[in-house]
C-alpha atoms as a PDB file:
ATOM      1  CA  MET A   1      61.021 -28.355-206.407  1.00  0.00           C
ATOM      2  CA  ASP A   2      62.590 -27.372-209.733  1.00  0.00           C
ATOM      3  CA  HIS A   3      59.294 -28.174-211.434  1.00  0.00           C
ATOM      4  CA  TYR A   4      57.404 -25.786-209.130  1.00  0.00           C
ATOM      5  CA  LYS A   5      60.029 -23.062-209.503  1.00  0.00           C
ATOM      6  CA  LYS A   6      59.813 -23.294-213.312  1.00  0.00           C
ATOM      7  CA  ALA A   7      56.009 -23.103-213.136  1.00  0.00           C
ATOM      8  CA  LEU A   8      56.192 -20.011-210.899  1.00  0.00           C
ATOM      9  CA  GLU A   9      58.771 -18.378-213.208  1.00  0.00           C
ATOM     10  CA  ASP A  10      56.486 -19.003-216.194  1.00  0.00           C
ATOM     11  CA  MET A  11      53.468 -17.522-214.391  1.00  0.00           C
ATOM     12  CA  VAL A  12      55.437 -14.426-213.363  1.00  0.00           C
ATOM     13  CA  ASP A  13      56.711 -14.061-216.935  1.00  0.00           C
ATOM     14  CA  GLN A  14      53.135 -14.208-218.247  1.00  0.00           C
ATOM     15  CA  PHE A  15      51.322 -12.063-215.681  1.00  0.00           C
ATOM     16  CA  ALA A  16      53.832  -9.482-214.380  1.00  0.00           C
ATOM     17  CA  TYR A  17      53.495  -5.945-215.693  1.00  0.00           C
ATOM     18  CA  VAL A  18      55.944  -4.957-218.418  1.00  0.00           C
ATOM     19  CA  LEU A  19      58.073  -1.803-218.234  1.00  0.00           C
ATOM     20  CA  ASP A  20      60.220  -0.414-221.045  1.00  0.00           C
ATOM     21  CA  ASP A  21      63.610   1.271-221.421  1.00  0.00           C
ATOM     22  CA  PRO A  22      65.222  -0.954-220.233  1.00  0.00           C
ATOM     23  CA  PRO A  23      62.923  -4.002-220.387  1.00  0.00           C
ATOM     24  CA  ARG A  24      61.698  -4.938-216.897  1.00  0.00           C
ATOM     25  CA  ILE A  25      58.813  -6.665-215.174  1.00  0.00           C
ATOM     26  CA  THR A  26      57.075  -5.502-212.003  1.00  0.00           C
ATOM     27  CA  THR A  27      54.415  -6.709-209.593  1.00  0.00           C
ATOM     28  CA  GLY A  28      52.355  -3.578-210.101  1.00  0.00           C
ATOM     29  CA  GLY A  29      51.511  -3.815-206.398  1.00  0.00           C
ATOM     30  CA  LEU A  30      49.527  -7.059-206.815  1.00  0.00           C
ATOM     31  CA  SER A  31      50.018  -9.170-203.708  1.00  0.00           C
ATOM     32  CA  SER A  32      50.063 -12.490-205.590  1.00  0.00           C
ATOM     33  CA  LEU A  33      52.874 -11.235-207.815  1.00  0.00           C
ATOM     34  CA  GLU A  34      54.660  -9.747-204.799  1.00  0.00           C
ATOM     35  CA  TYR A  35      54.627 -13.193-203.127  1.00  0.00           C
ATOM     36  CA  ALA A  36      55.855 -14.836-206.335  1.00  0.00           C
ATOM     37  CA  PHE A  37      58.677 -12.297-206.792  1.00  0.00           C
ATOM     38  CA  ASP A  38      59.668 -12.819-203.149  1.00  0.00           C
ATOM     39  CA  ALA A  39      59.615 -16.624-203.481  1.00  0.00           C
ATOM     40  CA  LEU A  40      61.828 -16.410-206.590  1.00  0.00           C
ATOM     41  CA  GLY A  41      64.169 -13.835-205.039  1.00  0.00           C
ATOM     42  CA  TYR A  42      63.368 -11.275-207.750  1.00  0.00           C
ATOM     43  CA  PRO A  43      63.806  -7.536-207.157  1.00  0.00           C
ATOM     44  CA  ASP A  44      60.832  -5.339-208.068  1.00  0.00           C
ATOM     45  CA  PRO A  45      61.212  -4.288-210.825  1.00  0.00           C
ATOM     46  CA  LYS A  46      63.348  -7.042-212.365  1.00  0.00           C
ATOM     47  CA  GLU A  47      65.365  -6.312-215.495  1.00  0.00           C
ATOM     48  CA  ILE A  48      64.904  -8.745-218.389  1.00  0.00           C
ATOM     49  CA  PRO A  49      67.964  -8.171-220.634  1.00  0.00           C
ATOM     50  CA  GLU A  50      66.995 -10.937-223.071  1.00  0.00           C
ATOM     51  CA  ARG A  51      63.972  -8.825-224.082  1.00  0.00           C
ATOM     52  CA  LYS A  52      66.153  -5.845-225.040  1.00  0.00           C
ATOM     53  CA  CYS A  53      66.329  -4.630-228.640  1.00  0.00           C
ATOM     54  CA  GLN A  54      69.415  -6.101-230.294  1.00  0.00           C
ATOM     55  CA  PHE A  55      70.113  -2.867-232.202  1.00  0.00           C
ATOM     56  CA  GLU A  56      73.325  -1.303-230.884  1.00  0.00           C
ATOM     57  CA  ASN A  57      72.858   1.112-227.946  1.00  0.00           C
ATOM     58  CA  CYS A  58      69.071   0.714-227.813  1.00  0.00           C
ATOM     59  CA  ASN A  59      67.404   0.056-224.428  1.00  0.00           C
ATOM     60  CA  LYS A  60      63.849  -0.399-225.719  1.00  0.00           C
ATOM     61  CA  THR A  61      61.962  -3.683-225.519  1.00  0.00           C
ATOM     62  CA  ALA A  62      62.214  -5.870-228.620  1.00  0.00           C
ATOM     63  CA  THR A  63      58.742  -6.358-230.068  1.00  0.00           C
ATOM     64  CA  CYS A  64      59.474  -8.271-233.261  1.00  0.00           C
ATOM     65  CA  GLY A  65      62.183 -10.084-235.163  1.00  0.00           C
ATOM     66  CA  THR A  66      63.623  -9.469-238.603  1.00  0.00           C
ATOM     67  CA  PRO A  67      66.462 -10.639-240.831  1.00  0.00           C
ATOM     68  CA  THR A  68      69.385  -8.183-240.985  1.00  0.00           C
ATOM     69  CA  LYS A  69      72.756  -8.226-242.719  1.00  0.00           C
ATOM     70  CA  TYR A  70      74.111  -9.500-239.357  1.00  0.00           C
ATOM     71  CA  GLY A  71      71.575 -12.325-239.069  1.00  0.00           C
ATOM     72  CA  TYR A  72      68.134 -12.528-237.498  1.00  0.00           C
ATOM     73  CA  LYS A  73      67.632  -9.939-234.719  1.00  0.00           C
ATOM     74  CA  ARG A  74      64.890  -9.117-232.223  1.00  0.00           C
ATOM     75  CA  VAL A  75      64.327  -5.365-232.356  1.00  0.00           C
ATOM     76  CA  CYS A  76      61.988  -2.604-231.212  1.00  0.00           C
ATOM     77  CA  LEU A  77      59.449  -1.171-233.648  1.00  0.00           C
ATOM     78  CA  LYS A  78      61.590   1.915-234.382  1.00  0.00           C
ATOM     79  CA  HIS A  79      64.545  -0.194-235.473  1.00  0.00           C
ATOM     80  CA  PHE A  80      62.344  -2.700-237.306  1.00  0.00           C
ATOM     81  CA  ASN A  81      61.066   0.181-239.444  1.00  0.00           C
ATOM     82  CA  GLU A  82      64.595   1.560-239.879  1.00  0.00           C
ATOM     83  CA  ILE A  83      65.947  -1.811-241.022  1.00  0.00           C
ATOM     84  CA  ASN A  84      63.032  -2.606-243.339  1.00  0.00           C
ATOM     85  CA  ASN A  85      62.479   0.777-245.020  1.00  0.00           C
END
């Protein structure tokens, strides 16, 4: 069953609609995604904290990665430009 759960999690991750600020995914009202969210026990929308910008106090979705003086960070476009300009 773990194999099937992982497959369903991957499909939801790929096909669910993305919301920003904070990063979340939603079914968008699609019945197939609603069934998948229900089977996985996910709320709708479901927060995805690992997709959050790693810049302090930012709730936007990270869209790219970049080296910083604190190591490699995944950041939103605004902070990518701030760090690299």
